[in-house]
C-alpha atoms as a PDB file:
ATOM      1  CA  MET A   1      88.958 112.896 111.069  1.00  0.00           C
ATOM      2  CA  ILE A   2      88.945 114.938 107.887  1.00  0.00           C
ATOM      3  CA  ASP A   3      85.712 116.059 106.768  1.00  0.00           C
ATOM      4  CA  ARG A   4      85.322 115.547 102.989  1.00  0.00           C
ATOM      5  CA  SER A   5      81.711 114.854 102.526  1.00  0.00           C
ATOM      6  CA  ILE A   6      80.966 118.061 100.819  1.00  0.00           C
ATOM      7  CA  GLN A   7      83.487 117.549  98.145  1.00  0.00           C
ATOM      8  CA  TYR A   8      83.099 113.877  97.433  1.00  0.00           C
ATOM      9  CA  ASN A   9      81.850 113.043  93.924  1.00  0.00           C
ATOM     10  CA  SER A  10      81.433 116.717  92.913  1.00  0.00           C
ATOM     11  CA  ARG A  11      84.895 117.676  91.652  1.00  0.00           C
ATOM     12  CA  LYS A  12      83.629 120.981  90.692  1.00  0.00           C
ATOM     13  CA  ASP A  13      87.009 122.640  90.845  1.00  0.00           C
ATOM     14  CA  HIS A  14      88.386 120.111  88.103  1.00  0.00           C
ATOM     15  CA  LEU A  15      91.221 122.024  86.491  1.00  0.00           C
ATOM     16  CA  GLN A  16      91.174 122.157  82.669  1.00  0.00           C
ATOM     17  CA  MET A  17      94.666 120.819  82.159  1.00  0.00           C
ATOM     18  CA  ASP A  18      95.965 118.697  79.209  1.00  0.00           C
ATOM     19  CA  THR A  19      96.304 115.042  80.326  1.00  0.00           C
ATOM     20  CA  SER A  20      96.120 113.650  76.835  1.00  0.00           C
ATOM     21  CA  PHE A  21      99.720 112.778  76.890  1.00  0.00           C
ATOM     22  CA  ILE A  22      99.371 110.379  79.786  1.00  0.00           C
ATOM     23  CA  LYS A  23      99.093 107.052  77.988  1.00  0.00           C
ATOM     24  CA  GLY A  24     101.357 104.306  76.328  1.00  0.00           C
ATOM     25  CA  VAL A  25     104.607 103.034  77.646  1.00  0.00           C
ATOM     26  CA  VAL A  26     106.426 105.112  80.056  1.00  0.00           C
ATOM     27  CA  VAL A  27     109.944 104.110  80.998  1.00  0.00           C
ATOM     28  CA  PRO A  28     111.139 104.246  84.698  1.00  0.00           C
ATOM     29  CA  ILE A  29     114.399 105.241  83.204  1.00  0.00           C
ATOM     30  CA  LEU A  30     117.869 103.948  84.533  1.00  0.00           C
ATOM     31  CA  THR A  31     119.876 106.370  86.384  1.00  0.00           C
ATOM     32  CA  ILE A  32     123.361 105.953  85.221  1.00  0.00           C
ATOM     33  CA  CYS A  33     126.172 106.749  87.530  1.00  0.00           C
ATOM     34  CA  ASP A  34     130.148 106.973  87.186  1.00  0.00           C
ATOM     35  CA  LYS A  35     132.575 105.586  89.658  1.00  0.00           C
ATOM     36  CA  ASP A  36     131.726 108.463  92.065  1.00  0.00           C
ATOM     37  CA  GLU A  37     128.160 107.817  91.868  1.00  0.00           C
ATOM     38  CA  LYS A  38     127.410 110.986  90.215  1.00  0.00           C
ATOM     39  CA  ILE A  39     125.127 110.807  87.066  1.00  0.00           C
ATOM     40  CA  ASP A  40     127.178 110.311  83.874  1.00  0.00           C
ATOM     41  CA  GLU A  41     125.680 112.924  81.648  1.00  0.00           C
ATOM     42  CA  ALA A  42     126.805 111.467  78.243  1.00  0.00           C
ATOM     43  CA  LYS A  43     125.544 107.992  79.117  1.00  0.00           C
ATOM     44  CA  GLN A  44     122.295 109.272  80.580  1.00  0.00           C
ATOM     45  CA  ARG A  45     121.749 111.314  77.592  1.00  0.00           C
ATOM     46  CA  ALA A  46     122.355 108.161  75.288  1.00  0.00           C
ATOM     47  CA  GLN A  47     119.832 106.164  77.348  1.00  0.00           C
ATOM     48  CA  VAL A  48     117.196 108.896  76.896  1.00  0.00           C
ATOM     49  CA  ASP A  49     117.867 108.829  73.061  1.00  0.00           C
ATOM     50  CA  TYR A  50     117.632 104.852  73.180  1.00  0.00           C
ATOM     51  CA  VAL A  51     114.375 104.572  74.919  1.00  0.00           C
ATOM     52  CA  ILE A  52     112.857 107.194  72.713  1.00  0.00           C
ATOM     53  CA  LYS A  53     114.073 105.603  69.578  1.00  0.00           C
ATOM     54  CA  GLY A  54     112.619 102.339  71.044  1.00  0.00           C
ATOM     55  CA  GLY A  55     109.034 103.961  70.995  1.00  0.00           C
ATOM     56  CA  VAL A  56     108.251 104.929  74.531  1.00  0.00           C
ATOM     57  CA  THR A  57     105.830 107.706  74.895  1.00  0.00           C
ATOM     58  CA  GLY A  58     107.056 109.064  78.156  1.00  0.00           C
ATOM     59  CA  ILE A  59     110.114 108.953  80.619  1.00  0.00           C
ATOM     60  CA  LEU A  60     109.796 108.746  84.405  1.00  0.00           C
ATOM     61  CA  ALA A  61     112.941 110.013  86.030  1.00  0.00           C
ATOM     62  CA  PHE A  62     113.764 108.656  89.441  1.00  0.00           C
ATOM     63  CA  GLY A  63     111.381 105.855  89.709  1.00  0.00           C
ATOM     64  CA  SER A  64     112.088 102.567  91.725  1.00  0.00           C
ATOM     65  CA  ASN A  65     114.329 101.230  88.905  1.00  0.00           C
ATOM     66  CA  GLY A  66     115.850 104.674  88.653  1.00  0.00           C
ATOM     67  CA  GLU A  67     117.108 104.297  92.212  1.00  0.00           C
ATOM     68  CA  PHE A  68     115.647 107.504  93.458  1.00  0.00           C
ATOM     69  CA  TYR A  69     116.438 106.281  97.108  1.00  0.00           C
ATOM     70  CA  MET A  70     120.144 106.538  96.310  1.00  0.00           C
ATOM     71  CA  LEU A  71     120.369 110.105  95.207  1.00  0.00           C
ATOM     72  CA  GLU A  72     120.478 113.515  97.019  1.00  0.00           C
ATOM     73  CA  GLU A  73     118.138 116.144  96.011  1.00  0.00           C
ATOM     74  CA  ASP A  74     120.763 118.290  94.164  1.00  0.00           C
ATOM     75  CA  GLU A  75     121.877 115.329  91.984  1.00  0.00           C
ATOM     76  CA  MET A  76     118.128 114.576  91.231  1.00  0.00           C
ATOM     77  CA  GLU A  77     117.749 118.191  89.939  1.00  0.00           C
ATOM     78  CA  ARG A  78     120.919 117.929  87.876  1.00  0.00           C
ATOM     79  CA  GLY A  79     119.644 114.566  86.456  1.00  0.00           C
ATOM     80  CA  LEU A  80     116.221 115.777  85.632  1.00  0.00           C
ATOM     81  CA  LYS A  81     117.688 118.907  83.846  1.00  0.00           C
ATOM     82  CA  ILE A  82     119.806 116.588  81.786  1.00  0.00           C
ATOM     83  CA  MET A  83     116.823 114.343  80.839  1.00  0.00           C
ATOM     84  CA  VAL A  84     114.408 117.157  80.053  1.00  0.00           C
ATOM     85  CA  ASP A  85     117.057 118.738  77.884  1.00  0.00           C
ATOM     86  CA  GLN A  86     117.778 115.563  76.029  1.00  0.00           C
ATOM     87  CA  ALA A  87     114.205 114.587  75.460  1.00  0.00           C
ATOM     88  CA  ALA A  88     113.664 118.106  74.055  1.00  0.00           C
ATOM     89  CA  GLY A  89     110.040 117.795  73.927  1.00  0.00           C
ATOM     90  CA  ARG A  90     109.995 114.546  71.956  1.00  0.00           C
ATOM     91  CA  VAL A  91     108.138 112.688  74.915  1.00  0.00           C
ATOM     92  CA  PRO A  92     107.120 114.151  78.270  1.00  0.00           C
ATOM     93  CA  VAL A  93     109.283 113.639  81.320  1.00  0.00           C
ATOM     94  CA  TYR A  94     107.633 112.691  84.533  1.00  0.00           C
ATOM     95  CA  PHE A  95     109.440 112.998  87.954  1.00  0.00           C
ATOM     96  CA  GLY A  96     109.013 110.241  90.615  1.00  0.00           C
ATOM     97  CA  ILE A  97     108.880 111.290  94.201  1.00  0.00           C
ATOM     98  CA  GLY A  98     109.465 108.632  96.912  1.00  0.00           C
ATOM     99  CA  ALA A  99     110.126 110.878  99.994  1.00  0.00           C
ATOM    100  CA  ILE A 100     108.669 109.899 103.339  1.00  0.00           C
ATOM    101  CA  SER A 101     107.997 113.367 104.587  1.00  0.00           C
ATOM    102  CA  THR A 102     105.210 115.330 103.124  1.00  0.00           C
ATOM    103  CA  LYS A 103     107.238 118.538 103.364  1.00  0.00           C
ATOM    104  CA  LYS A 104     110.032 116.979 101.321  1.00  0.00           C
ATOM    105  CA  SER A 105     107.738 115.729  98.841  1.00  0.00           C
ATOM    106  CA  CYS A 106     106.323 119.109  98.349  1.00  0.00           C
ATOM    107  CA  ARG A 107     109.739 120.493  97.688  1.00  0.00           C
ATOM    108  CA  LEU A 108     110.703 117.735  95.316  1.00  0.00           C
ATOM    109  CA  ALA A 109     107.513 118.490  93.281  1.00  0.00           C
ATOM    110  CA  LYS A 110     108.283 122.090  93.167  1.00  0.00           C
ATOM    111  CA  MET A 111     111.818 121.608  92.112  1.00  0.00           C
ATOM    112  CA  ALA A 112     110.450 119.170  89.371  1.00  0.00           C
ATOM    113  CA  VAL A 113     107.956 121.540  87.931  1.00  0.00           C
ATOM    114  CA  LYS A 114     110.544 124.385  87.996  1.00  0.00           C
ATOM    115  CA  ASN A 115     112.922 122.202  85.846  1.00  0.00           C
ATOM    116  CA  GLY A 116     110.398 121.023  83.134  1.00  0.00           C
ATOM    117  CA  ALA A 117     108.635 117.926  84.502  1.00  0.00           C
ATOM    118  CA  ALA A 118     105.247 117.498  82.683  1.00  0.00           C
ATOM    119  CA  ALA A 119     103.957 115.497  85.659  1.00  0.00           C
ATOM    120  CA  VAL A 120     104.971 114.163  89.053  1.00  0.00           C
ATOM    121  CA  SER A 121     104.218 110.578  90.389  1.00  0.00           C
ATOM    122  CA  VAL A 122     104.237 110.131  94.166  1.00  0.00           C
ATOM    123  CA  LEU A 123     104.865 106.768  95.921  1.00  0.00           C
ATOM    124  CA  GLN A 124     103.022 106.138  99.299  1.00  0.00           C
ATOM    125  CA  PRO A 125     105.446 106.605 102.226  1.00  0.00           C
ATOM    126  CA  MET A 126     107.601 103.739 102.975  1.00  0.00           C
ATOM    127  CA  PHE A 127     108.523 102.534 106.416  1.00  0.00           C
ATOM    128  CA  LEU A 128     105.462 104.145 108.091  1.00  0.00           C
ATOM    129  CA  LYS A 129     102.044 102.641 108.585  1.00  0.00           C
ATOM    130  CA  PRO A 130      99.875 105.529 107.985  1.00  0.00           C
ATOM    131  CA  THR A 131      96.107 105.985 108.525  1.00  0.00           C
ATOM    132  CA  TYR A 132      93.652 106.528 105.897  1.00  0.00           C
ATOM    133  CA  ASP A 133      93.397 110.215 106.722  1.00  0.00           C
ATOM    134  CA  GLU A 134      97.176 110.661 107.071  1.00  0.00           C
ATOM    135  CA  LEU A 135      97.553 109.223 103.555  1.00  0.00           C
ATOM    136  CA  TYR A 136      94.812 111.373 102.178  1.00  0.00           C
ATOM    137  CA  ASN A 137      96.250 114.518 103.612  1.00  0.00           C
ATOM    138  CA  HIS A 138      99.786 113.510 102.427  1.00  0.00           C
ATOM    139  CA  PHE A 139      98.752 113.163  98.777  1.00  0.00           C
ATOM    140  CA  LYS A 140      96.369 116.245  98.617  1.00  0.00           C
ATOM    141  CA  THR A 141      99.128 118.486 100.316  1.00  0.00           C
ATOM    142  CA  ILE A 142     101.674 117.447  97.623  1.00  0.00           C
ATOM    143  CA  ALA A 143      99.204 117.871  94.935  1.00  0.00           C
ATOM    144  CA  GLU A 144      98.196 121.364  96.194  1.00  0.00           C
ATOM    145  CA  SER A 145     101.927 122.340  96.178  1.00  0.00           C
ATOM    146  CA  VAL A 146     101.991 122.185  92.409  1.00  0.00           C
ATOM    147  CA  PRO A 147      98.260 122.933  91.547  1.00  0.00           C
ATOM    148  CA  GLU A 148      98.726 123.334  87.764  1.00  0.00           C
ATOM    149  CA  THR A 149     100.714 120.117  87.292  1.00  0.00           C
ATOM    150  CA  PRO A 150      99.213 116.720  86.746  1.00  0.00           C
ATOM    151  CA  MET A 151      99.930 114.337  89.797  1.00  0.00           C
ATOM    152  CA  LEU A 152      99.840 110.517  89.694  1.00  0.00           C
ATOM    153  CA  LEU A 153      99.645 108.284  92.720  1.00  0.00           C
ATOM    154  CA  TYR A 154     102.203 105.339  92.698  1.00  0.00           C
ATOM    155  CA  ASN A 155     100.894 102.181  94.519  1.00  0.00           C
ATOM    156  CA  ASN A 156     103.717  99.769  95.129  1.00  0.00           C
ATOM    157  CA  PRO A 157     102.795  97.521  98.057  1.00  0.00           C
ATOM    158  CA  GLY A 158     105.737  95.040  97.415  1.00  0.00           C
ATOM    159  CA  ARG A 159     108.322  97.636  98.193  1.00  0.00           C
ATOM    160  CA  VAL A 160     106.367  99.726 100.883  1.00  0.00           C
ATOM    161  CA  GLY A 161     104.720  97.096 102.853  1.00  0.00           C
ATOM    162  CA  TYR A 162     100.973  98.211 102.503  1.00  0.00           C
ATOM    163  CA  THR A 163      98.687  98.986  99.543  1.00  0.00           C
ATOM    164  CA  LEU A 164      96.666 102.068  98.715  1.00  0.00           C
ATOM    165  CA  SER A 165      92.913 101.170  99.061  1.00  0.00           C
ATOM    166  CA  ALA A 166      90.450 101.604  96.000  1.00  0.00           C
ATOM    167  CA  LYS A 167      88.356 103.844  98.334  1.00  0.00           C
ATOM    168  CA  LEU A 168      91.465 106.257  98.952  1.00  0.00           C
ATOM    169  CA  VAL A 169      92.082 106.325  95.205  1.00  0.00           C
ATOM    170  CA  GLU A 170      88.606 106.949  94.447  1.00  0.00           C
ATOM    171  CA  GLU A 171      88.299 109.853  96.862  1.00  0.00           C
ATOM    172  CA  LEU A 172      91.492 111.507  95.845  1.00  0.00           C
ATOM    173  CA  ALA A 173      90.457 111.097  92.110  1.00  0.00           C
ATOM    174  CA  HIS A 174      87.236 112.826  92.748  1.00  0.00           C
ATOM    175  CA  ASN A 175      88.208 115.547  95.168  1.00  0.00           C
ATOM    176  CA  VAL A 176      91.736 116.699  94.227  1.00  0.00           C
ATOM    177  CA  PRO A 177      91.631 118.314  90.881  1.00  0.00           C
ATOM    178  CA  ASN A 178      95.232 117.677  89.698  1.00  0.00           C
ATOM    179  CA  ILE A 179      95.342 114.067  90.987  1.00  0.00           C
ATOM    180  CA  ILE A 180      94.584 112.644  87.514  1.00  0.00           C
ATOM    181  CA  GLY A 181      95.933 109.102  87.585  1.00  0.00           C
ATOM    182  CA  MET A 182      98.136 106.469  89.063  1.00  0.00           C
ATOM    183  CA  LYS A 183     100.567 103.734  88.530  1.00  0.00           C
ATOM    184  CA  ASP A 184      99.617 100.312  90.156  1.00  0.00           C
ATOM    185  CA  THR A 185     102.421  97.855  90.785  1.00  0.00           C
ATOM    186  CA  SER A 186     100.287  95.536  93.071  1.00  0.00           C
ATOM    187  CA  GLY A 187     100.447  92.773  90.530  1.00  0.00           C
ATOM    188  CA  ASP A 188      96.915  92.142  91.659  1.00  0.00           C
ATOM    189  CA  ILE A 189      94.756  92.617  88.459  1.00  0.00           C
ATOM    190  CA  THR A 190      91.588  92.812  90.527  1.00  0.00           C
ATOM    191  CA  GLN A 191      92.878  95.669  92.447  1.00  0.00           C
ATOM    192  CA  THR A 192      93.950  97.417  89.153  1.00  0.00           C
ATOM    193  CA  SER A 193      90.634  96.923  87.733  1.00  0.00           C
ATOM    194  CA  GLU A 194      88.974  98.265  90.735  1.00  0.00           C
ATOM    195  CA  PHE A 195      91.021 101.611  90.589  1.00  0.00           C
ATOM    196  CA  ILE A 196      89.912 101.848  87.046  1.00  0.00           C
ATOM    197  CA  ARG A 197      86.097 100.987  87.647  1.00  0.00           C
ATOM    198  CA  ARG A 198      85.710 103.453  90.542  1.00  0.00           C
ATOM    199  CA  THR A 199      87.487 106.387  88.739  1.00  0.00           C
ATOM    200  CA  ARG A 200      86.469 106.037  85.126  1.00  0.00           C
ATOM    201  CA  ASP A 201      83.724 108.783  85.454  1.00  0.00           C
ATOM    202  CA  VAL A 202      86.432 111.440  85.849  1.00  0.00           C
ATOM    203  CA  ASP A 203      88.722 110.063  83.295  1.00  0.00           C
ATOM    204  CA  PHE A 204      91.425 108.986  85.791  1.00  0.00           C
ATOM    205  CA  LYS A 205      94.364 107.639  84.139  1.00  0.00           C
ATOM    206  CA  VAL A 206      95.613 104.195  85.448  1.00  0.00           C
ATOM    207  CA  PHE A 207      98.893 102.819  84.454  1.00  0.00           C
ATOM    208  CA  GLY A 208      99.683  99.038  84.900  1.00  0.00           C
ATOM    209  CA  GLY A 209     102.985  98.712  86.690  1.00  0.00           C
ATOM    210  CA  LYS A 210     103.753  95.092  86.078  1.00  0.00           C
ATOM    211  CA  ASP A 211     105.434  94.408  82.878  1.00  0.00           C
ATOM    212  CA  THR A 212     104.072  90.936  82.730  1.00  0.00           C
ATOM    213  CA  LEU A 213     100.596  92.183  83.132  1.00  0.00           C
ATOM    214  CA  LEU A 214     100.423  94.959  80.484  1.00  0.00           C
ATOM    215  CA  TYR A 215      97.951  93.228  78.208  1.00  0.00           C
ATOM    216  CA  ALA A 216      95.833  92.298  81.024  1.00  0.00           C
ATOM    217  CA  SER A 217      95.882  95.882  82.458  1.00  0.00           C
ATOM    218  CA  LEU A 218      94.933  97.157  78.943  1.00  0.00           C
ATOM    219  CA  CYS A 219      91.993  94.854  78.754  1.00  0.00           C
ATOM    220  CA  HIS A 220      90.565  96.351  81.995  1.00  0.00           C
ATOM    221  CA  GLY A 221      90.953  99.750  80.773  1.00  0.00           C
ATOM    222  CA  ALA A 222      94.425 100.914  81.749  1.00  0.00           C
ATOM    223  CA  VAL A 223      95.880 103.863  79.516  1.00  0.00           C
ATOM    224  CA  GLY A 224      99.334 102.007  79.264  1.00  0.00           C
ATOM    225  CA  GLY A 225     102.172 100.844  81.576  1.00  0.00           C
ATOM    226  CA  VAL A 226     105.185 102.142  83.451  1.00  0.00           C
ATOM    227  CA  CYS A 227     107.458  99.445  82.274  1.00  0.00           C
ATOM    228  CA  THR A 228     110.934  98.665  83.503  1.00  0.00           C
ATOM    229  CA  ALA A 229     111.473  96.427  80.378  1.00  0.00           C
ATOM    230  CA  ALA A 230     111.526  99.369  78.082  1.00  0.00           C
ATOM    231  CA  ASN A 231     115.121 100.179  79.452  1.00  0.00           C
ATOM    232  CA  PHE A 232     116.491  97.208  77.592  1.00  0.00           C
ATOM    233  CA  MET A 233     114.032  95.811  75.335  1.00  0.00           C
ATOM    234  CA  PRO A 234     111.672  98.795  74.382  1.00  0.00           C
ATOM    235  CA  GLU A 235     110.774  97.214  71.095  1.00  0.00           C
ATOM    236  CA  LEU A 236     109.138  94.278  72.833  1.00  0.00           C
ATOM    237  CA  ILE A 237     107.163  96.054  75.489  1.00  0.00           C
ATOM    238  CA  THR A 238     105.941  98.853  73.096  1.00  0.00           C
ATOM    239  CA  ASP A 239     104.856  96.158  70.741  1.00  0.00           C
ATOM    240  CA  VAL A 240     102.293  94.948  73.395  1.00  0.00           C
ATOM    241  CA  TYR A 241     100.859  98.336  73.748  1.00  0.00           C
ATOM    242  CA  ASN A 242     100.900  99.365  69.921  1.00  0.00           C
ATOM    243  CA  LYS A 243      99.275  96.319  68.911  1.00  0.00           C
ATOM    244  CA  TYR A 244      96.545  96.462  71.559  1.00  0.00           C
ATOM    245  CA  ALA A 245      95.847 100.197  70.626  1.00  0.00           C
ATOM    246  CA  ALA A 246      95.735  99.096  66.875  1.00  0.00           C
ATOM    247  CA  GLY A 247      93.059  96.461  67.656  1.00  0.00           C
ATOM    248  CA  ASP A 248      95.360  93.442  67.148  1.00  0.00           C
ATOM    249  CA  LEU A 249      94.477  91.838  70.310  1.00  0.00           C
ATOM    250  CA  ALA A 250      95.981  88.403  69.452  1.00  0.00           C
ATOM    251  CA  GLY A 251      99.183  90.065  68.388  1.00  0.00           C
ATOM    252  CA  SER A 252      99.415  92.010  71.599  1.00  0.00           C
ATOM    253  CA  LEU A 253      98.982  88.951  73.700  1.00  0.00           C
ATOM    254  CA  GLU A 254     101.536  87.019  71.682  1.00  0.00           C
ATOM    255  CA  ALA A 255     104.000  89.934  72.200  1.00  0.00           C
ATOM    256  CA  GLN A 256     103.356  89.776  75.915  1.00  0.00           C
ATOM    257  CA  PHE A 257     104.038  86.179  75.995  1.00  0.00           C
ATOM    258  CA  LYS A 258     107.308  86.806  74.051  1.00  0.00           C
ATOM    259  CA  LEU A 259     108.270  89.297  76.775  1.00  0.00           C
ATOM    260  CA  ASN A 260     107.243  87.535  79.995  1.00  0.00           C
ATOM    261  CA  PRO A 261     110.007  84.833  80.127  1.00  0.00           C
ATOM    262  CA  VAL A 262     112.725  87.666  80.052  1.00  0.00           C
ATOM    263  CA  ARG A 263     111.000  89.816  82.596  1.00  0.00           C
ATOM    264  CA  LEU A 264     110.263  86.880  84.868  1.00  0.00           C
ATOM    265  CA  SER A 265     114.176  85.807  84.744  1.00  0.00           C
ATOM    266  CA  MET A 266     114.892  89.060  86.448  1.00  0.00           C
ATOM    267  CA  ASP A 267     113.338  87.944  89.678  1.00  0.00           C
ATOM    268  CA  ALA A 268     116.344  85.659  90.266  1.00  0.00           C
ATOM    269  CA  ALA A 269     118.480  88.765  90.883  1.00  0.00           C
ATOM    270  CA  SER A 270     118.488  91.217  93.764  1.00  0.00           C
ATOM    271  CA  PHE A 271     116.345  94.352  93.070  1.00  0.00           C
ATOM    272  CA  PRO A 272     116.952  96.490  91.239  1.00  0.00           C
ATOM    273  CA  VAL A 273     120.040  95.293  89.449  1.00  0.00           C
ATOM    274  CA  ALA A 274     118.767  93.149  86.733  1.00  0.00           C
ATOM    275  CA  ALA A 275     117.607  96.053  84.512  1.00  0.00           C
ATOM    276  CA  LYS A 276     121.093  97.385  84.340  1.00  0.00           C
ATOM    277  CA  ASP A 277     122.576  93.869  83.918  1.00  0.00           C
ATOM    278  CA  MET A 278     120.294  93.147  80.870  1.00  0.00           C
ATOM    279  CA  ALA A 279     120.929  96.623  79.361  1.00  0.00           C
ATOM    280  CA  ASN A 280     124.621  95.892  79.645  1.00  0.00           C
ATOM    281  CA  LEU A 281     124.144  92.398  78.070  1.00  0.00           C
ATOM    282  CA  ARG A 282     122.557  94.099  75.107  1.00  0.00           C
ATOM    283  CA  GLY A 283     125.478  96.494  74.511  1.00  0.00           C
ATOM    284  CA  ASN A 284     124.206  99.604  76.174  1.00  0.00           C
ATOM    285  CA  ASP A 285     126.801 100.764  78.641  1.00  0.00           C
ATOM    286  CA  VAL A 286     124.671 101.798  81.706  1.00  0.00           C
ATOM    287  CA  GLY A 287     127.271 101.011  84.365  1.00  0.00           C
ATOM    288  CA  VAL A 288     126.642  99.522  87.472  1.00  0.00           C
ATOM    289  CA  PRO A 289     123.982 100.059  90.361  1.00  0.00           C
ATOM    290  CA  TYR A 290     124.587 102.247  93.208  1.00  0.00           C
ATOM    291  CA  LEU A 291     126.041 100.626  96.339  1.00  0.00           C
ATOM    292  CA  PRO A 292     125.377  98.497  98.220  1.00  0.00           C
ATOM    293  CA  THR A 293     123.743  96.605  95.232  1.00  0.00           C
ATOM    294  CA  LEU A 294     126.175  94.879  92.806  1.00  0.00           C
ATOM    295  CA  PRO A 295     125.950  93.581  89.450  1.00  0.00           C
ATOM    296  CA  THR A 296     124.618  89.893  89.209  1.00  0.00           C
ATOM    297  CA  PRO A 297     127.689  87.757  89.342  1.00  0.00           C
ATOM    298  CA  GLU A 298     128.334  84.792  86.913  1.00  0.00           C
ATOM    299  CA  GLY A 299     126.030  81.924  88.040  1.00  0.00           C
ATOM    300  CA  PRO A 300     122.447  80.606  87.583  1.00  0.00           C
ATOM    301  CA  ALA A 301     120.788  83.979  87.881  1.00  0.00           C
ATOM    302  CA  LYS A 302     122.844  85.557  85.049  1.00  0.00           C
ATOM    303  CA  GLN A 303     122.632  82.444  82.793  1.00  0.00           C
ATOM    304  CA  GLY A 304     118.923  82.616  83.323  1.00  0.00           C
ATOM    305  CA  PHE A 305     119.032  86.141  81.993  1.00  0.00           C
ATOM    306  CA  ILE A 306     121.151  85.192  78.854  1.00  0.00           C
ATOM    307  CA  LYS A 307     118.972  82.052  78.077  1.00  0.00           C
ATOM    308  CA  ALA A 308     115.678  84.032  78.269  1.00  0.00           C
ATOM    309  CA  MET A 309     117.158  86.951  76.410  1.00  0.00           C
ATOM    310  CA  THR A 310     118.410  84.751  73.793  1.00  0.00           C
ATOM    311  CA  GLU A 311     115.263  82.757  73.205  1.00  0.00           C
ATOM    312  CA  ALA A 312     113.341  86.058  72.801  1.00  0.00           C
ATOM    313  CA  GLY A 313     115.875  87.252  70.158  1.00  0.00           C
ATOM    314  CA  LEU A 314     117.394  90.023  72.110  1.00  0.00           C
ATOM    315  CA  LEU A 315     120.989  88.585  71.990  1.00  0.00           C
END
């Protein structure tokens, strides 16, 4: 058992780092590959420009929809350099870490910081069933490997098979100075709300991770959302956030309702190919997913995309 009683609720060593940029709509940007499954630099740069023009406030490189699980470390580093260079300070670039081992996660975190990442986002280890103390030590060790860089937790129980507990998040938020926020993709608004309630005294930044619940997350105090939809309909998802921030709650909710049928239609396809399918339908050449996943074939799922996107005025 790890003794944390002395530290808990003190956070005396809180670092004075700038976290004001951690808000708004952050896009888990698509990773665009060529026929050899190498990042297509020209198309990747074009996607960076597209999402920034669409109004996002940040780019997350190698999130779940960025197919991080398909790339080797050297290709991740190359891709991050391309994205940081193309963003050119217009928006911050976050780096997603989904490695299982603590050692590899630390190595990736250090690489990301060296190459200009403004923050790192760390998914709980997949495949394992770690104990509370194992998870606590995993996240703490990664954070301590890049002590001057903001780190966000990433809770994705649907893909990993278990959730981060509110108690664990509360303890990490209060005890580890540079763990300053998280993305919650549980889809459970009560859990999202609990993450916010238990950490609001230390200005912990919680992003909603479900596009369909961005408005609801904001109502509970989230600072924004990490939103797949921004890859192919940034104007709709940023409208939800911008109207909410401006105090137009009715307009924000209406924008959410306009977006939701499109986002829900994606569920008929295999994960994560629908985002690339929809981007291509809108005329952005983002290529195909990494094997073994394939573009959605002609049939009911793809027709569902087209119907929903047409009704939303996207096609």
